[in-house]
Amino acid sequence: MKKILFERSVNAYLPEIDAYIEYFNKISEHHAVDSLTLSDISYNDFDLIWKFMGSDYQRIDVPVVHEYASLSLGKLGKIKNLIKKNLNTKPSLRVFLNEEVKKEFGFNDNVPFVFRDMGIKECFFYPKNENKQYDFVYLGVISSERKIDFMLRNLIEKCKDMKSILLIGSPEDKIYSEFKSYKNITFVGRLDQKAIPEVASKAVYGINYIPNEYPYHLQTSTKLLEYLAMGLKIVTTSYFWVDKFERDTNMKFFKVNQDLSNIMQCDNYEYVNQSVEQYKWDEILSKSGIVEKVNKII
């Protein structure tokens, strides 16, 4: 039996690690472990080390996977990507979120690679709560870097009927302090994934507020996939990934302006959702061919 160690830092929110571990442990010749469950780690106890990048300057004798599930954030994002490209050790396999992420890093060596898109946990497909208590739900990172404070200010300003929004995730202190007193804004904090669907599906619309800027516009929106699994109507900003996804799947989302100036029109839009069963984690991982790649290096 081949043992795989998935490295995860304490504060990292990486639902894909749980999906990987569950998937690999269904296969008899593999045993996958989360590093956070171990008190002491020796790389030599494992046949493969899986790292989410990050930087990695450590050379070890065990085969290593470098996973690039996202691009670097911030004003120096492209410089950080260049540093990772030139200074990270050479792994046995690289995993990229999609073609756009691979192009941005621009590795030009002979390391094998595989694409692995984001998936949806089974629990998001049920239950679907018919008792709607909120207009919108926002699921994910609640930070000024992602301009969620800007979104909330505009929601307050543009919604004459005081539409309500439920925020699931850990908010920055300054965002919580600014908006906690508004009756139509509800913070519930970070929830266990299994608890999210019952709470989030109390909303009518899933709001996918993504700045139309690098690198957010190139990356899969996990929250949007989860909204669809829960049967929510999609209200989203317009950007490269979401526009392509909408076209490719023949869905219809309401495109809200960055300043939410047209938000009141979302009630009269003809939404079209399609099944996203193909985005369940087992389907995503099976389609990626990642097991076959792993078997070749261990």
Protein backbone atom coordinates (compact mmCIF):
# COMPACT_ATOMS: atom_id res chain seq x y z
CA MET A 1 0.00 0.00 0.00
CA LYS A 2 1.38 3.40 -1.03
CA LYS A 3 1.20 6.16 1.60
CA ILE A 4 0.52 9.77 0.54
CA LEU A 5 0.99 12.76 2.84
CA PHE A 6 -1.06 15.88 2.08
CA GLU A 7 0.59 18.89 3.72
CA ARG A 8 -1.82 21.47 5.11
CA SER A 9 -1.03 24.51 7.25
CA VAL A 10 -3.23 25.23 10.25
CA ASN A 11 -5.13 28.19 8.75
CA ALA A 12 -5.38 26.94 5.16
CA TYR A 13 -8.89 26.38 3.81
CA LEU A 14 -8.32 23.67 1.23
CA PRO A 15 -11.47 21.55 0.77
CA GLU A 16 -9.67 19.71 -2.04
CA ILE A 17 -7.44 17.98 0.52
CA ASP A 18 -10.46 16.33 2.13
CA ALA A 19 -11.68 15.32 -1.34
CA TYR A 20 -8.28 13.89 -2.29
CA ILE A 21 -7.95 11.89 0.92
CA GLU A 22 -11.45 10.44 0.65
CA TYR A 23 -10.90 9.58 -3.03
CA PHE A 24 -7.44 8.01 -2.68
CA ASN A 25 -8.52 6.01 0.36
CA LYS A 26 -11.22 4.35 -1.72
CA ILE A 27 -8.43 2.86 -3.83
CA SER A 28 -6.94 -0.17 -2.11
CA GLU A 29 -3.32 0.49 -3.12
CA HIS A 30 -3.25 3.98 -1.56
CA HIS A 31 -3.49 5.40 1.94
CA ALA A 32 -3.75 9.20 2.13
CA VAL A 33 -3.13 11.20 5.31
CA ASP A 34 -3.71 14.85 6.33
CA SER A 35 -0.58 16.30 7.94
CA LEU A 36 -2.70 18.08 10.57
CA THR A 37 -3.73 14.72 12.00
CA LEU A 38 -0.12 13.81 12.79
CA SER A 39 1.89 14.97 15.79
CA ASP A 40 5.23 14.03 14.24
CA ILE A 41 6.07 13.80 10.53
CA SER A 42 8.89 11.96 8.82
CA TYR A 43 8.85 12.22 5.03
CA ASN A 44 10.60 8.86 4.81
CA ASP A 45 7.46 7.20 6.19
CA PHE A 46 5.61 8.12 3.00
CA ASP A 47 5.80 7.21 -0.68
CA LEU A 48 4.60 10.63 -1.90
CA ILE A 49 4.44 14.14 -0.42
CA TRP A 50 1.71 16.48 -1.76
CA LYS A 51 2.34 20.20 -1.31
CA PHE A 52 0.10 23.18 -2.10
CA MET A 53 2.22 26.06 -3.35
CA GLY A 54 3.50 28.24 -1.73
CA SER A 55 7.17 27.98 -1.88
CA ASP A 56 9.23 24.83 -1.61
CA TYR A 57 13.02 25.03 -1.42
CA GLN A 58 13.48 21.75 0.45
CA ARG A 59 15.01 18.83 -1.40
CA ILE A 60 13.92 15.41 -0.18
CA ASP A 61 14.36 11.86 -1.42
CA VAL A 62 10.62 11.11 -1.60
CA PRO A 63 8.61 11.97 -4.78
CA VAL A 64 6.77 15.29 -4.42
CA VAL A 65 3.65 16.79 -6.02
CA HIS A 66 3.42 20.57 -6.33
CA GLU A 67 -0.16 21.72 -6.64
CA TYR A 68 -0.91 25.19 -8.01
CA ALA A 69 -4.59 25.54 -7.14
CA SER A 70 -4.46 29.32 -7.50
CA LEU A 71 -2.27 32.21 -8.55
CA SER A 72 -0.53 34.55 -6.12
CA LEU A 73 -2.59 37.42 -4.76
CA GLY A 74 -1.79 41.08 -4.17
CA LYS A 75 -0.06 43.81 -6.12
CA LEU A 76 3.10 41.70 -6.40
CA GLY A 77 1.20 38.58 -7.49
CA LYS A 78 2.96 38.19 -10.84
CA ILE A 79 6.36 38.68 -9.24
CA LYS A 80 5.53 36.05 -6.62
CA ASN A 81 4.53 33.65 -9.41
CA LEU A 82 7.89 34.28 -11.11
CA ILE A 83 9.76 33.59 -7.87
CA LYS A 84 7.86 30.32 -7.42
CA LYS A 85 8.66 29.34 -11.00
CA ASN A 86 12.39 30.00 -10.69
CA LEU A 87 13.17 29.08 -7.08
CA ASN A 88 10.86 26.20 -6.16
CA THR A 89 12.45 22.77 -6.26
CA LYS A 90 11.61 20.52 -9.19
CA PRO A 91 8.78 18.11 -8.26
CA SER A 92 7.81 14.74 -9.71
CA LEU A 93 4.39 16.06 -10.79
CA ARG A 94 2.60 19.39 -10.98
CA VAL A 95 -1.14 19.91 -10.63
CA PHE A 96 -2.78 23.07 -12.02
CA LEU A 97 -6.30 24.38 -11.50
CA ASN A 98 -6.73 25.08 -15.22
CA GLU A 99 -4.91 26.03 -18.42
CA GLU A 100 -4.87 29.73 -17.51
CA VAL A 101 -3.08 29.09 -14.21
CA LYS A 102 -0.53 26.87 -15.97
CA LYS A 103 0.14 29.58 -18.58
CA GLU A 104 0.66 32.23 -15.90
CA PHE A 105 3.40 30.21 -14.19
CA GLY A 106 5.00 29.33 -17.51
CA PHE A 107 7.12 26.36 -16.45
CA ASN A 108 9.23 25.21 -19.39
CA ASP A 109 10.73 21.98 -18.06
CA ASN A 110 9.75 18.37 -18.65
CA VAL A 111 7.88 17.77 -15.36
CA PRO A 112 4.58 15.94 -16.06
CA PHE A 113 1.42 17.81 -15.15
CA VAL A 114 -2.32 17.37 -14.80
CA PHE A 115 -5.29 19.75 -14.60
CA ARG A 116 -7.61 19.42 -11.62
CA ASP A 117 -10.59 21.75 -11.45
CA MET A 118 -12.51 22.62 -8.29
CA GLY A 119 -15.29 20.27 -7.23
CA ILE A 120 -18.39 20.20 -5.04
CA LYS A 121 -18.82 18.17 -1.88
CA GLU A 122 -21.77 15.78 -1.95
CA CYS A 123 -23.50 17.54 0.96
CA PHE A 124 -24.16 20.67 -1.14
CA PHE A 125 -26.69 18.82 -3.25
CA TYR A 126 -29.02 18.41 -0.25
CA PRO A 127 -30.90 19.58 1.67
CA LYS A 128 -32.40 22.46 -0.29
CA ASN A 129 -34.10 24.73 2.22
CA GLU A 130 -37.44 26.02 0.94
CA ASN A 131 -37.86 28.34 3.93
CA LYS A 132 -36.20 31.41 2.46
CA GLN A 133 -35.12 33.97 5.06
CA TYR A 134 -32.55 35.99 3.10
CA ASP A 135 -32.31 37.55 -0.34
CA PHE A 136 -28.57 36.89 -0.86
CA VAL A 137 -25.91 34.64 0.53
CA TYR A 138 -22.18 35.25 0.09
CA LEU A 139 -19.95 32.28 0.82
CA GLY A 140 -16.18 32.59 1.09
CA VAL A 141 -13.41 35.02 1.95
CA ILE A 142 -14.78 38.24 3.50
CA SER A 143 -11.91 40.65 2.95
CA SER A 144 -11.21 44.14 1.66
CA GLU A 145 -8.72 42.61 -0.79
CA ARG A 146 -11.70 40.95 -2.47
CA LYS A 147 -13.66 44.24 -2.12
CA ILE A 148 -16.43 42.74 0.00
CA ASP A 149 -16.61 45.95 2.03
CA PHE A 150 -17.20 47.84 -1.24
CA MET A 151 -19.93 45.34 -2.16
CA LEU A 152 -21.70 45.76 1.18
CA ARG A 153 -21.57 49.57 1.07
CA ASN A 154 -23.13 49.53 -2.38
CA LEU A 155 -25.76 47.00 -1.32
CA ILE A 156 -26.83 49.35 1.47
CA GLU A 157 -26.84 52.34 -0.88
CA LYS A 158 -28.51 50.78 -3.92
CA CYS A 159 -31.17 48.59 -2.27
CA LYS A 160 -34.13 50.80 -1.47
CA ASP A 161 -36.06 47.77 -0.25
CA MET A 162 -33.19 46.80 2.12
CA LYS A 163 -32.43 43.43 0.61
CA SER A 164 -30.85 41.09 3.14
CA ILE A 165 -27.54 39.27 2.84
CA LEU A 166 -26.12 36.35 4.77
CA LEU A 167 -22.32 36.17 4.97
CA ILE A 168 -20.69 32.79 5.61
CA GLY A 169 -16.97 32.91 6.32
CA SER A 170 -14.54 34.60 8.69
CA PRO A 171 -14.75 38.38 8.14
CA GLU A 172 -11.89 40.81 8.55
CA ASP A 173 -12.28 42.64 11.85
CA LYS A 174 -12.69 46.02 10.18
CA ILE A 175 -15.44 44.71 7.88
CA TYR A 176 -17.31 43.11 10.78
CA SER A 177 -17.01 46.30 12.84
CA GLU A 178 -18.33 48.47 10.02
CA PHE A 179 -21.36 46.36 9.08
CA LYS A 180 -22.37 44.31 12.15
CA SER A 181 -25.05 46.81 13.23
CA TYR A 182 -27.03 46.68 9.94
CA LYS A 183 -30.18 44.65 10.36
CA ASN A 184 -30.12 43.38 6.77
CA ILE A 185 -26.53 42.09 7.04
CA THR A 186 -25.99 38.83 8.95
CA PHE A 187 -22.58 37.38 9.77
CA VAL A 188 -22.56 33.72 10.81
CA GLY A 189 -18.80 33.16 10.69
CA ARG A 190 -17.00 30.14 9.33
CA LEU A 191 -19.03 26.92 9.28
CA ASP A 192 -18.09 23.30 8.86
CA GLN A 193 -18.68 22.36 5.22
CA LYS A 194 -21.41 19.89 6.14
CA ALA A 195 -23.34 22.64 7.94
CA ILE A 196 -23.15 25.20 5.12
CA PRO A 197 -25.91 23.92 2.76
CA GLU A 198 -28.72 24.02 5.32
CA VAL A 199 -27.81 27.60 6.25
CA ALA A 200 -26.86 28.95 2.81
CA SER A 201 -29.95 27.57 1.08
CA LYS A 202 -32.11 29.86 3.21
CA ALA A 203 -31.22 32.52 0.60
CA VAL A 204 -32.83 33.04 -2.80
CA TYR A 205 -29.70 34.25 -4.60
CA GLY A 206 -26.08 33.22 -4.37
CA ILE A 207 -23.93 36.28 -4.93
CA ASN A 208 -20.61 35.68 -6.67
CA TYR A 209 -18.90 39.03 -6.22
CA ILE A 210 -15.50 38.69 -7.87
CA PRO A 211 -13.34 41.70 -8.83
CA ASN A 212 -12.73 41.68 -12.57
CA GLU A 213 -8.98 41.79 -12.08
CA TYR A 214 -5.93 39.56 -11.84
CA PRO A 215 -5.84 36.83 -10.64
CA TYR A 216 -9.46 36.38 -9.56
CA HIS A 217 -10.89 36.60 -13.06
CA LEU A 218 -8.92 33.51 -14.23
CA GLN A 219 -9.87 31.11 -11.45
CA THR A 220 -12.80 28.76 -10.89
CA SER A 221 -15.38 30.10 -8.45
CA THR A 222 -16.03 27.29 -6.00
CA LYS A 223 -18.79 29.28 -4.33
CA LEU A 224 -20.66 29.58 -7.63
CA LEU A 225 -20.54 25.81 -8.17
CA GLU A 226 -21.82 25.29 -4.63
CA TYR A 227 -24.63 27.81 -5.15
CA LEU A 228 -25.71 25.89 -8.24
CA ALA A 229 -25.66 22.58 -6.37
CA MET A 230 -27.97 24.14 -3.77
CA GLY A 231 -30.35 25.38 -6.48
CA LEU A 232 -29.78 29.08 -5.85
CA LYS A 233 -30.21 31.74 -8.51
CA ILE A 234 -26.85 33.21 -9.49
CA VAL A 235 -26.08 36.93 -9.20
CA THR A 236 -22.50 37.57 -10.31
CA THR A 237 -20.11 40.18 -11.53
CA SER A 238 -18.87 39.69 -15.10
CA TYR A 239 -15.33 38.40 -15.62
CA PHE A 240 -13.40 35.94 -17.78
CA TRP A 241 -14.00 32.65 -15.97
CA VAL A 242 -17.68 33.14 -15.14
CA ASP A 243 -18.58 34.40 -18.63
CA LYS A 244 -16.89 31.39 -20.22
CA PHE A 245 -18.50 28.97 -17.75
CA GLU A 246 -21.94 30.47 -18.41
CA ARG A 247 -21.52 30.07 -22.18
CA ASP A 248 -20.10 26.56 -21.98
CA THR A 249 -22.90 25.27 -19.73
CA ASN A 250 -25.83 27.14 -21.36
CA MET A 251 -26.81 28.78 -18.09
CA LYS A 252 -28.07 32.32 -17.50
CA PHE A 253 -26.81 34.35 -14.56
CA PHE A 254 -27.76 37.91 -13.62
CA LYS A 255 -24.71 40.11 -14.20
CA VAL A 256 -24.51 42.73 -11.50
CA ASN A 257 -22.36 45.82 -11.99
CA GLN A 258 -19.31 46.18 -9.75
CA ASP A 259 -21.04 49.07 -7.94
CA LEU A 260 -24.30 47.07 -7.72
CA SER A 261 -26.13 49.92 -9.51
CA ASN A 262 -28.44 47.41 -11.24
CA ILE A 263 -29.00 45.08 -8.27
CA MET A 264 -32.71 45.84 -7.99
CA GLN A 265 -33.26 44.31 -11.44
CA CYS A 266 -32.24 40.83 -10.29
CA ASP A 267 -35.79 39.94 -9.21
CA ASN A 268 -37.13 40.16 -12.78
CA TYR A 269 -34.39 38.20 -14.54
CA GLU A 270 -34.99 34.84 -16.24
CA TYR A 271 -32.40 32.59 -14.64
CA VAL A 272 -31.32 29.29 -16.18
CA ASN A 273 -29.48 26.71 -14.05
CA GLN A 274 -28.26 23.33 -15.22
CA SER A 275 -27.19 20.24 -13.33
CA VAL A 276 -23.68 20.40 -11.87
CA GLU A 277 -23.51 16.72 -10.91
CA GLN A 278 -20.39 16.45 -13.10
CA TYR A 279 -18.61 18.76 -10.64
CA LYS A 280 -18.89 16.37 -7.71
CA TRP A 281 -15.39 15.69 -6.40
CA ASP A 282 -15.34 12.04 -7.43
CA GLU A 283 -16.25 13.01 -10.99
CA ILE A 284 -13.65 15.79 -11.11
CA LEU A 285 -10.84 13.61 -9.78
CA SER A 286 -11.74 10.65 -11.97
CA LYS A 287 -11.87 12.82 -15.10
CA SER A 288 -8.53 14.48 -14.29
CA GLY A 289 -6.61 11.21 -14.57
CA ILE A 290 -4.67 12.16 -11.46
CA VAL A 291 -4.50 8.64 -10.04
CA GLU A 292 -2.85 7.34 -13.19
CA LYS A 293 -0.26 10.15 -13.00
CA VAL A 294 0.44 9.42 -9.35
CA ASN A 295 0.86 5.71 -10.02
CA LYS A 296 3.59 6.48 -12.54
CA ILE A 297 5.72 8.39 -10.06
CA ILE A 298 5.36 6.02 -7.08
